[in-house]
Amino acid sequence: MKRLVSAVLLLLFVTGAVCAQTAPDAAELTKLLNDFLAGASRNDAAIHERFWADDLIYTRSAGRRVNKAEVMHDVRTAPVAKPTDPKTVYTAEDIRIQQYGDTAVVAFRLVATTETGGAKYVANLLNSGTFVKRGGKWQVVNWQSTRMPRTEAESKGEVATAAAALHEAMSSGDIDKLTALTDPGFVWTHGSAETARQQLFDDLRARKVKYGKTDPAKVSISVYGDTAIVRGESYTLVFINQLGVWRAVSLHSS
């Protein structure tokens, strides 16, 4: 009797393991995921419509829970991208798929690569989705996204790149790059004067600004979560991280 019970338990264990590890539709699901990420990179509404099920529950990395109608509203009302806007490309790494009949769990590391103002930023998020096959078509009914924390070294590297790009844009008067690299509330304090971002842009267009080159060898960077302070020989820059992109909020120079 004991042998029979043991055999039954072993059979159940093996059967469960096989069901969880075997994914006959892995190739189809992987292609569906990659096609979706390519479409999401260009904000393709048709791709979103195909990917998400009508009964979707989506928990965003920022802690907001939305349904399909809200996702589609955000996609369709997004402003048309301008050439100077940040460009983000999404790709999937470390894809794992477990299939249970007409249900599958797809887990992967989302890599979001953003280029803006001559700087490049890479964010990593752990994503997992539950797919259900209905009428021969796989769609997502549940999605969870968790942003992976950056290391201090990664953050410092990104801030250093952003600071160098900002100094170059100030020196050359490149308004497009400065728009991408600065927050709308950016303020430049030089001596006893304060210049808001729009006034800075106007002064740069009128060639009223003289901005000298900085020495990158005399720079220190401190990171405090989503805030970073760059201290140079004669200036201090403050950056904040906005959805994975570092933007300057203030510059103090003497």
C-alpha atoms as a PDB file:
ATOM      1  CA  MET A   1       0.000   0.000   0.000  1.00  0.00           C
ATOM      2  CA  LYS A   2       2.807   2.394   0.919  1.00  0.00           C
ATOM      3  CA  ARG A   3       4.527   1.586  -2.358  1.00  0.00           C
ATOM      4  CA  LEU A   4       1.318   2.342  -4.262  1.00  0.00           C
ATOM      5  CA  VAL A   5       0.864   5.702  -2.508  1.00  0.00           C
ATOM      6  CA  SER A   6       4.508   6.602  -3.141  1.00  0.00           C
ATOM      7  CA  ALA A   7       4.177   5.698  -6.815  1.00  0.00           C
ATOM      8  CA  VAL A   8       1.031   7.808  -7.180  1.00  0.00           C
ATOM      9  CA  LEU A   9       2.681  10.800  -5.483  1.00  0.00           C
ATOM     10  CA  LEU A  10       5.757  10.454  -7.680  1.00  0.00           C
ATOM     11  CA  LEU A  11       3.580  10.289 -10.796  1.00  0.00           C
ATOM     12  CA  LEU A  12       1.670  13.421  -9.768  1.00  0.00           C
ATOM     13  CA  PHE A  13       4.918  15.264  -9.068  1.00  0.00           C
ATOM     14  CA  VAL A  14       6.467  14.320 -12.399  1.00  0.00           C
ATOM     15  CA  THR A  15       3.259  15.139 -14.290  1.00  0.00           C
ATOM     16  CA  GLY A  16       3.029  18.552 -12.625  1.00  0.00           C
ATOM     17  CA  ALA A  17       6.665  19.321 -13.354  1.00  0.00           C
ATOM     18  CA  VAL A  18       6.287  18.378 -17.001  1.00  0.00           C
ATOM     19  CA  CYS A  19       3.139  20.481 -17.387  1.00  0.00           C
ATOM     20  CA  ALA A  20       4.848  23.499 -15.845  1.00  0.00           C
ATOM     21  CA  GLN A  21       8.049  23.193 -17.865  1.00  0.00           C
ATOM     22  CA  THR A  22       6.745  22.157 -21.285  1.00  0.00           C
ATOM     23  CA  ALA A  23       5.552  25.041 -23.460  1.00  0.00           C
ATOM     24  CA  PRO A  24       4.399  23.784 -26.883  1.00  0.00           C
ATOM     25  CA  ASP A  25       3.487  27.339 -27.908  1.00  0.00           C
ATOM     26  CA  ALA A  26       6.748  28.917 -26.700  1.00  0.00           C
ATOM     27  CA  ALA A  27       7.815  30.024 -30.181  1.00  0.00           C
ATOM     28  CA  GLU A  28       4.429  31.636 -30.888  1.00  0.00           C
ATOM     29  CA  LEU A  29       4.358  33.392 -27.513  1.00  0.00           C
ATOM     30  CA  THR A  30       7.939  34.640 -27.891  1.00  0.00           C
ATOM     31  CA  LYS A  31       7.149  36.091 -31.322  1.00  0.00           C
ATOM     32  CA  LEU A  32       3.976  37.683 -29.981  1.00  0.00           C
ATOM     33  CA  LEU A  33       5.961  39.306 -27.169  1.00  0.00           C
ATOM     34  CA  ASN A  34       8.754  40.580 -29.437  1.00  0.00           C
ATOM     35  CA  ASP A  35       6.261  41.922 -31.992  1.00  0.00           C
ATOM     36  CA  PHE A  36       4.412  43.707 -29.209  1.00  0.00           C
ATOM     37  CA  LEU A  37       7.565  45.333 -27.808  1.00  0.00           C
ATOM     38  CA  ALA A  38       8.564  46.526 -31.283  1.00  0.00           C
ATOM     39  CA  GLY A  39       5.101  48.037 -31.714  1.00  0.00           C
ATOM     40  CA  ALA A  40       5.099  49.554 -28.223  1.00  0.00           C
ATOM     41  CA  SER A  41       8.403  51.255 -29.073  1.00  0.00           C
ATOM     42  CA  ARG A  42       6.552  53.248 -31.759  1.00  0.00           C
ATOM     43  CA  ASN A  43       3.269  53.521 -29.771  1.00  0.00           C
ATOM     44  CA  ASP A  44       1.338  51.372 -32.251  1.00  0.00           C
ATOM     45  CA  ALA A  45      -2.317  51.282 -31.149  1.00  0.00           C
ATOM     46  CA  ALA A  46      -3.151  48.250 -33.312  1.00  0.00           C
ATOM     47  CA  ILE A  47      -0.394  46.226 -31.659  1.00  0.00           C
ATOM     48  CA  HIS A  48      -1.725  47.130 -28.200  1.00  0.00           C
ATOM     49  CA  GLU A  49      -5.279  46.239 -29.233  1.00  0.00           C
ATOM     50  CA  ARG A  50      -4.139  42.783 -30.389  1.00  0.00           C
ATOM     51  CA  PHE A  51      -1.944  42.066 -27.355  1.00  0.00           C
ATOM     52  CA  TRP A  52      -4.218  42.945 -24.429  1.00  0.00           C
ATOM     53  CA  ALA A  53      -7.405  41.031 -23.605  1.00  0.00           C
ATOM     54  CA  ASP A  54     -10.577  43.008 -22.871  1.00  0.00           C
ATOM     55  CA  ASP A  55     -10.527  41.787 -19.240  1.00  0.00           C
ATOM     56  CA  LEU A  56      -6.904  42.882 -18.664  1.00  0.00           C
ATOM     57  CA  ILE A  57      -5.576  43.763 -15.209  1.00  0.00           C
ATOM     58  CA  TYR A  58      -2.241  45.605 -15.540  1.00  0.00           C
ATOM     59  CA  THR A  59      -0.165  46.692 -12.541  1.00  0.00           C
ATOM     60  CA  ARG A  60       2.387  49.253 -13.695  1.00  0.00           C
ATOM     61  CA  SER A  61       5.871  49.621 -12.243  1.00  0.00           C
ATOM     62  CA  ALA A  62       4.830  52.997 -10.799  1.00  0.00           C
ATOM     63  CA  GLY A  63       2.188  51.279  -8.638  1.00  0.00           C
ATOM     64  CA  ARG A  64      -0.851  52.165 -10.769  1.00  0.00           C
ATOM     65  CA  ARG A  65      -3.379  49.460 -11.703  1.00  0.00           C
ATOM     66  CA  VAL A  66      -5.183  49.929 -15.027  1.00  0.00           C
ATOM     67  CA  ASN A  67      -7.489  48.052 -17.396  1.00  0.00           C
ATOM     68  CA  LYS A  68      -7.399  47.750 -21.179  1.00  0.00           C
ATOM     69  CA  ALA A  69      -9.591  50.798 -21.786  1.00  0.00           C
ATOM     70  CA  GLU A  70      -7.184  52.945 -19.773  1.00  0.00           C
ATOM     71  CA  VAL A  71      -4.150  51.510 -21.568  1.00  0.00           C
ATOM     72  CA  MET A  72      -5.707  52.195 -24.969  1.00  0.00           C
ATOM     73  CA  HIS A  73      -6.720  55.712 -23.927  1.00  0.00           C
ATOM     74  CA  ASP A  74      -3.130  56.505 -22.932  1.00  0.00           C
ATOM     75  CA  VAL A  75      -1.829  55.109 -26.226  1.00  0.00           C
ATOM     76  CA  ARG A  76      -4.348  56.902 -28.449  1.00  0.00           C
ATOM     77  CA  THR A  77      -4.127  60.275 -26.701  1.00  0.00           C
ATOM     78  CA  ALA A  78      -0.317  60.383 -26.571  1.00  0.00           C
ATOM     79  CA  PRO A  79       0.977  63.427 -28.488  1.00  0.00           C
ATOM     80  CA  VAL A  80       2.598  62.809 -31.847  1.00  0.00           C
ATOM     81  CA  ALA A  81       6.318  62.328 -31.279  1.00  0.00           C
ATOM     82  CA  LYS A  82       8.567  65.171 -32.387  1.00  0.00           C
ATOM     83  CA  PRO A  83      12.078  64.596 -33.764  1.00  0.00           C
ATOM     84  CA  THR A  84      13.549  66.059 -30.567  1.00  0.00           C
ATOM     85  CA  ASP A  85      11.497  63.862 -28.197  1.00  0.00           C
ATOM     86  CA  PRO A  86      13.219  61.025 -26.315  1.00  0.00           C
ATOM     87  CA  LYS A  87      13.164  57.767 -28.271  1.00  0.00           C
ATOM     88  CA  THR A  88      12.713  54.549 -26.296  1.00  0.00           C
ATOM     89  CA  VAL A  89      13.153  51.039 -27.685  1.00  0.00           C
ATOM     90  CA  TYR A  90      11.870  48.046 -25.729  1.00  0.00           C
ATOM     91  CA  THR A  91      13.382  44.559 -25.936  1.00  0.00           C
ATOM     92  CA  ALA A  92      13.047  41.335 -23.934  1.00  0.00           C
ATOM     93  CA  GLU A  93      15.841  39.354 -22.305  1.00  0.00           C
ATOM     94  CA  ASP A  94      15.856  36.199 -20.162  1.00  0.00           C
ATOM     95  CA  ILE A  95      12.444  35.041 -21.402  1.00  0.00           C
ATOM     96  CA  ARG A  96      10.861  32.167 -19.429  1.00  0.00           C
ATOM     97  CA  ILE A  97       7.599  30.517 -20.485  1.00  0.00           C
ATOM     98  CA  GLN A  98       5.471  28.036 -18.561  1.00  0.00           C
ATOM     99  CA  GLN A  99       2.366  26.717 -20.294  1.00  0.00           C
ATOM    100  CA  TYR A 100      -0.656  25.010 -18.739  1.00  0.00           C
ATOM    101  CA  GLY A 101      -2.906  24.061 -21.615  1.00  0.00           C
ATOM    102  CA  ASP A 102      -4.600  27.236 -22.853  1.00  0.00           C
ATOM    103  CA  THR A 103      -2.906  29.345 -20.156  1.00  0.00           C
ATOM    104  CA  ALA A 104       0.725  30.453 -20.130  1.00  0.00           C
ATOM    105  CA  VAL A 105       2.940  32.543 -17.888  1.00  0.00           C
ATOM    106  CA  VAL A 106       5.609  34.585 -19.657  1.00  0.00           C
ATOM    107  CA  ALA A 107       8.308  36.188 -17.508  1.00  0.00           C
ATOM    108  CA  PHE A 108      11.190  38.263 -18.841  1.00  0.00           C
ATOM    109  CA  ARG A 109      13.488  41.222 -18.234  1.00  0.00           C
ATOM    110  CA  LEU A 110      12.305  44.282 -20.108  1.00  0.00           C
ATOM    111  CA  VAL A 111      15.159  46.457 -21.359  1.00  0.00           C
ATOM    112  CA  ALA A 112      14.108  50.035 -22.120  1.00  0.00           C
ATOM    113  CA  THR A 113      16.811  51.960 -23.981  1.00  0.00           C
ATOM    114  CA  THR A 114      16.143  55.701 -24.231  1.00  0.00           C
ATOM    115  CA  GLU A 115      18.141  58.201 -26.286  1.00  0.00           C
ATOM    116  CA  THR A 116      17.632  61.890 -25.635  1.00  0.00           C
ATOM    117  CA  GLY A 117      19.772  64.985 -25.980  1.00  0.00           C
ATOM    118  CA  GLY A 118      22.807  62.966 -26.998  1.00  0.00           C
ATOM    119  CA  ALA A 119      22.615  60.778 -23.867  1.00  0.00           C
ATOM    120  CA  LYS A 120      21.538  57.138 -23.599  1.00  0.00           C
ATOM    121  CA  TYR A 121      19.774  55.570 -20.631  1.00  0.00           C
ATOM    122  CA  VAL A 122      18.980  51.913 -20.005  1.00  0.00           C
ATOM    123  CA  ALA A 123      16.279  50.807 -17.567  1.00  0.00           C
ATOM    124  CA  ASN A 124      15.591  47.191 -16.611  1.00  0.00           C
ATOM    125  CA  LEU A 125      12.208  45.958 -15.417  1.00  0.00           C
ATOM    126  CA  LEU A 126      11.056  42.494 -14.384  1.00  0.00           C
ATOM    127  CA  ASN A 127       7.798  41.790 -16.230  1.00  0.00           C
ATOM    128  CA  SER A 128       5.467  38.822 -16.111  1.00  0.00           C
ATOM    129  CA  GLY A 129       2.222  38.226 -17.948  1.00  0.00           C
ATOM    130  CA  THR A 130      -0.536  35.642 -17.903  1.00  0.00           C
ATOM    131  CA  PHE A 131      -1.711  34.722 -21.401  1.00  0.00           C
ATOM    132  CA  VAL A 132      -4.963  32.910 -22.176  1.00  0.00           C
ATOM    133  CA  LYS A 133      -5.739  31.284 -25.537  1.00  0.00           C
ATOM    134  CA  ARG A 134      -9.270  31.974 -26.724  1.00  0.00           C
ATOM    135  CA  GLY A 135     -10.539  31.173 -30.189  1.00  0.00           C
ATOM    136  CA  GLY A 136      -7.019  30.156 -31.201  1.00  0.00           C
ATOM    137  CA  LYS A 137      -5.568  33.533 -30.179  1.00  0.00           C
ATOM    138  CA  TRP A 138      -3.239  34.271 -27.246  1.00  0.00           C
ATOM    139  CA  GLN A 139      -3.912  37.486 -25.295  1.00  0.00           C
ATOM    140  CA  VAL A 140      -2.749  38.912 -21.969  1.00  0.00           C
ATOM    141  CA  VAL A 141      -5.225  38.957 -19.066  1.00  0.00           C
ATOM    142  CA  ASN A 142      -2.802  39.956 -16.314  1.00  0.00           C
ATOM    143  CA  TRP A 143       0.464  41.920 -16.386  1.00  0.00           C
ATOM    144  CA  GLN A 144       2.883  42.917 -13.640  1.00  0.00           C
ATOM    145  CA  SER A 145       5.891  45.210 -14.048  1.00  0.00           C
ATOM    146  CA  THR A 146       8.574  45.900 -11.418  1.00  0.00           C
ATOM    147  CA  ARG A 147      11.414  48.346 -12.011  1.00  0.00           C
ATOM    148  CA  MET A 148      14.846  46.951 -11.104  1.00  0.00           C
ATOM    149  CA  PRO A 149      16.994  49.350  -9.050  1.00  0.00           C
ATOM    150  CA  ARG A 150      20.096  50.775 -10.703  1.00  0.00           C
ATOM    151  CA  THR A 151      23.455  50.350  -9.054  1.00  0.00           C
ATOM    152  CA  GLU A 152      25.144  53.509  -7.847  1.00  0.00           C
ATOM    153  CA  ALA A 153      27.837  53.062 -10.493  1.00  0.00           C
ATOM    154  CA  GLU A 154      25.215  52.828 -13.266  1.00  0.00           C
ATOM    155  CA  SER A 155      23.452  55.964 -12.044  1.00  0.00           C
ATOM    156  CA  LYS A 156      26.709  57.910 -11.794  1.00  0.00           C
ATOM    157  CA  GLY A 157      27.671  56.860 -15.303  1.00  0.00           C
ATOM    158  CA  GLU A 158      24.330  58.015 -16.716  1.00  0.00           C
ATOM    159  CA  VAL A 159      24.471  61.313 -14.822  1.00  0.00           C
ATOM    160  CA  ALA A 160      28.034  61.948 -16.032  1.00  0.00           C
ATOM    161  CA  THR A 161      26.884  61.405 -19.618  1.00  0.00           C
ATOM    162  CA  ALA A 162      23.893  63.719 -19.153  1.00  0.00           C
ATOM    163  CA  ALA A 163      26.040  66.422 -17.538  1.00  0.00           C
ATOM    164  CA  ALA A 164      28.611  66.308 -20.342  1.00  0.00           C
ATOM    165  CA  ALA A 165      25.826  66.517 -22.960  1.00  0.00           C
ATOM    166  CA  LEU A 166      24.263  69.485 -21.152  1.00  0.00           C
ATOM    167  CA  HIS A 167      27.554  71.405 -20.986  1.00  0.00           C
ATOM    168  CA  GLU A 168      28.119  70.766 -24.693  1.00  0.00           C
ATOM    169  CA  ALA A 169      24.579  71.922 -25.538  1.00  0.00           C
ATOM    170  CA  MET A 170      25.046  75.095 -23.457  1.00  0.00           C
ATOM    171  CA  SER A 171      28.339  75.858 -25.178  1.00  0.00           C
ATOM    172  CA  SER A 172      26.976  75.264 -28.681  1.00  0.00           C
ATOM    173  CA  GLY A 173      23.552  76.789 -28.059  1.00  0.00           C
ATOM    174  CA  ASP A 174      21.740  73.588 -29.044  1.00  0.00           C
ATOM    175  CA  ILE A 175      18.154  74.307 -27.939  1.00  0.00           C
ATOM    176  CA  ASP A 176      16.801  70.910 -29.000  1.00  0.00           C
ATOM    177  CA  LYS A 177      19.296  69.043 -26.844  1.00  0.00           C
ATOM    178  CA  LEU A 178      18.746  71.375 -23.905  1.00  0.00           C
ATOM    179  CA  THR A 179      14.987  70.810 -24.180  1.00  0.00           C
ATOM    180  CA  ALA A 180      15.567  67.068 -23.841  1.00  0.00           C
ATOM    181  CA  LEU A 181      18.143  67.378 -21.056  1.00  0.00           C
ATOM    182  CA  THR A 182      16.361  69.863 -18.767  1.00  0.00           C
ATOM    183  CA  ASP A 183      13.159  69.889 -16.749  1.00  0.00           C
ATOM    184  CA  PRO A 184      10.600  72.604 -17.677  1.00  0.00           C
ATOM    185  CA  GLY A 185      11.258  74.168 -14.260  1.00  0.00           C
ATOM    186  CA  PHE A 186      15.027  74.383 -14.875  1.00  0.00           C
ATOM    187  CA  VAL A 187      16.727  77.487 -13.438  1.00  0.00           C
ATOM    188  CA  TRP A 188      20.279  78.710 -14.052  1.00  0.00           C
ATOM    189  CA  THR A 189      21.713  80.812 -11.214  1.00  0.00           C
ATOM    190  CA  HIS A 190      24.873  82.637 -12.280  1.00  0.00           C
ATOM    191  CA  GLY A 191      26.268  85.144  -9.843  1.00  0.00           C
ATOM    192  CA  SER A 192      23.287  87.102  -8.482  1.00  0.00           C
ATOM    193  CA  ALA A 193      21.117  86.492 -11.569  1.00  0.00           C
ATOM    194  CA  GLU A 194      18.544  83.789 -12.137  1.00  0.00           C
ATOM    195  CA  THR A 195      17.513  82.652 -15.618  1.00  0.00           C
ATOM    196  CA  ALA A 196      14.531  80.391 -16.235  1.00  0.00           C
ATOM    197  CA  ARG A 197      14.664  77.778 -18.990  1.00  0.00           C
ATOM    198  CA  GLN A 198      12.661  79.678 -21.612  1.00  0.00           C
ATOM    199  CA  GLN A 199      14.659  82.851 -21.025  1.00  0.00           C
ATOM    200  CA  LEU A 200      17.867  80.834 -21.366  1.00  0.00           C
ATOM    201  CA  PHE A 201      16.652  79.488 -24.709  1.00  0.00           C
ATOM    202  CA  ASP A 202      15.794  83.007 -25.890  1.00  0.00           C
ATOM    203  CA  ASP A 203      19.208  84.327 -24.806  1.00  0.00           C
ATOM    204  CA  LEU A 204      20.978  81.451 -26.551  1.00  0.00           C
ATOM    205  CA  ARG A 205      19.081  82.133 -29.790  1.00  0.00           C
ATOM    206  CA  ALA A 206      20.061  85.803 -29.518  1.00  0.00           C
ATOM    207  CA  ARG A 207      23.680  84.789 -28.831  1.00  0.00           C
ATOM    208  CA  LYS A 208      23.630  86.611 -25.492  1.00  0.00           C
ATOM    209  CA  VAL A 209      25.058  83.676 -23.513  1.00  0.00           C
ATOM    210  CA  LYS A 210      28.743  82.901 -23.128  1.00  0.00           C
ATOM    211  CA  TYR A 211      29.270  79.523 -21.528  1.00  0.00           C
ATOM    212  CA  GLY A 212      32.792  78.280 -21.031  1.00  0.00           C
ATOM    213  CA  LYS A 213      33.956  74.681 -21.263  1.00  0.00           C
ATOM    214  CA  THR A 214      34.195  72.596 -18.097  1.00  0.00           C
ATOM    215  CA  ASP A 215      36.951  70.264 -16.939  1.00  0.00           C
ATOM    216  CA  PRO A 216      35.516  66.722 -16.573  1.00  0.00           C
ATOM    217  CA  ALA A 217      38.526  65.694 -14.502  1.00  0.00           C
ATOM    218  CA  LYS A 218      37.428  68.013 -11.690  1.00  0.00           C
ATOM    219  CA  VAL A 219      33.910  66.670 -11.258  1.00  0.00           C
ATOM    220  CA  SER A 220      32.306  64.696  -8.428  1.00  0.00           C
ATOM    221  CA  ILE A 221      28.893  63.052  -8.563  1.00  0.00           C
ATOM    222  CA  SER A 222      26.656  62.092  -5.646  1.00  0.00           C
ATOM    223  CA  VAL A 223      23.460  60.090  -6.133  1.00  0.00           C
ATOM    224  CA  TYR A 224      20.576  60.048  -3.655  1.00  0.00           C
ATOM    225  CA  GLY A 225      17.875  57.800  -5.091  1.00  0.00           C
ATOM    226  CA  ASP A 226      16.279  59.710  -7.978  1.00  0.00           C
ATOM    227  CA  THR A 227      18.319  62.857  -7.301  1.00  0.00           C
ATOM    228  CA  ALA A 228      21.923  63.482  -8.319  1.00  0.00           C
ATOM    229  CA  ILE A 229      24.295  66.361  -7.637  1.00  0.00           C
ATOM    230  CA  VAL A 230      27.200  67.116  -9.953  1.00  0.00           C
ATOM    231  CA  ARG A 231      29.893  69.379  -8.496  1.00  0.00           C
ATOM    232  CA  GLY A 232      32.459  70.926 -10.796  1.00  0.00           C
ATOM    233  CA  GLU A 233      35.234  73.443 -10.291  1.00  0.00           C
ATOM    234  CA  SER A 234      32.884  76.423 -10.595  1.00  0.00           C
ATOM    235  CA  TYR A 235      29.377  74.997 -10.824  1.00  0.00           C
ATOM    236  CA  THR A 236      26.796  72.682  -9.245  1.00  0.00           C
ATOM    237  CA  LEU A 237      24.205  70.783 -11.291  1.00  0.00           C
ATOM    238  CA  VAL A 238      21.164  69.050  -9.840  1.00  0.00           C
ATOM    239  CA  PHE A 239      19.461  66.242 -11.777  1.00  0.00           C
ATOM    240  CA  ILE A 240      16.293  64.266 -11.096  1.00  0.00           C
ATOM    241  CA  ASN A 241      15.374  60.924 -12.620  1.00  0.00           C
ATOM    242  CA  GLN A 242      12.077  61.070 -14.503  1.00  0.00           C
ATOM    243  CA  LEU A 243      10.882  57.636 -15.653  1.00  0.00           C
ATOM    244  CA  GLY A 244      14.435  56.454 -16.210  1.00  0.00           C
ATOM    245  CA  VAL A 245      15.783  59.677 -17.764  1.00  0.00           C
ATOM    246  CA  TRP A 246      18.040  62.113 -15.900  1.00  0.00           C
ATOM    247  CA  ARG A 247      17.071  65.774 -16.426  1.00  0.00           C
ATOM    248  CA  ALA A 248      18.673  68.869 -14.950  1.00  0.00           C
ATOM    249  CA  VAL A 249      16.509  71.014 -12.668  1.00  0.00           C
ATOM    250  CA  SER A 250      19.073  73.600 -11.655  1.00  0.00           C
ATOM    251  CA  LEU A 251      22.541  74.917 -12.467  1.00  0.00           C
ATOM    252  CA  HIS A 252      24.536  77.186 -10.157  1.00  0.00           C
ATOM    253  CA  SER A 253      27.695  78.703 -11.578  1.00  0.00           C
ATOM    254  CA  SER A 254      30.103  81.405 -10.484  1.00  0.00           C
END
